[in-house]
Amino acid sequence: MQWFENPLIAVCGENQERQVAETKRDCKQYVPIAGKEELPPVQHFESYD
């Protein structure tokens, strides 16, 4: 998800929390989705509603 030109936000599949996706940190819970070769589409929003 992305609001305006802010950093991308990802929903963690493990704990369902929203986190900034464009950071230089490693997620210890990250597991690639089996059989998923493409990234999911980014949802763009023009308001915070």
Protein backbone atom coordinates (compact mmCIF):
# COMPACT_ATOMS: atom_id res chain seq x y z
CA MET A 1 0.00 0.00 0.00
CA GLN A 2 1.21 3.52 -0.69
CA TRP A 3 -0.30 6.87 0.25
CA PHE A 4 0.77 9.75 -1.99
CA GLU A 5 4.58 9.52 -2.47
CA ASN A 6 5.27 8.08 0.98
CA PRO A 7 7.23 4.82 1.45
CA LEU A 8 5.44 1.57 0.65
CA ILE A 9 3.62 -0.16 3.50
CA ALA A 10 3.47 -3.95 3.64
CA VAL A 11 1.18 -6.15 5.72
CA CYS A 12 3.16 -8.80 7.55
CA GLY A 13 1.73 -12.24 6.77
CA GLU A 14 2.96 -13.60 10.10
CA ASN A 15 1.46 -11.11 12.57
CA GLN A 16 -0.82 -9.02 10.27
CA GLU A 17 0.91 -5.75 11.27
CA ARG A 18 1.58 -2.97 8.79
CA GLN A 19 5.25 -2.12 8.40
CA VAL A 20 7.31 0.15 6.17
CA ALA A 21 8.42 -2.01 3.27
CA GLU A 22 11.20 0.24 2.01
CA THR A 23 13.71 0.03 4.84
CA LYS A 24 17.15 -1.49 5.10
CA ARG A 25 16.30 -3.99 7.81
CA ASP A 26 15.80 -7.73 7.75
CA CYS A 27 12.59 -9.37 8.88
CA LYS A 28 13.45 -12.58 10.74
CA GLN A 29 9.94 -13.90 10.05
CA TYR A 30 10.17 -13.43 6.25
CA VAL A 31 9.36 -16.53 4.22
CA PRO A 32 8.95 -16.35 0.43
CA ILE A 33 5.53 -17.35 -0.86
CA ALA A 34 5.90 -20.73 -2.57
CA GLY A 35 5.12 -20.59 -6.28
CA LYS A 36 4.76 -16.80 -6.19
CA GLU A 37 7.19 -15.31 -8.72
CA GLU A 38 5.57 -11.88 -9.12
CA LEU A 39 5.20 -9.29 -6.41
CA PRO A 40 1.64 -8.39 -5.45
CA PRO A 41 0.41 -5.12 -6.99
CA VAL A 42 0.88 -1.94 -4.97
CA GLN A 43 -2.38 -0.28 -3.89
CA HIS A 44 -2.12 3.51 -4.32
CA PHE A 45 -4.27 5.84 -2.20
CA GLU A 46 -4.90 9.57 -2.63
CA SER A 47 -6.36 10.12 0.85
CA TYR A 48 -6.04 8.67 4.34
CA ASP A 49 -9.75 7.70 4.55
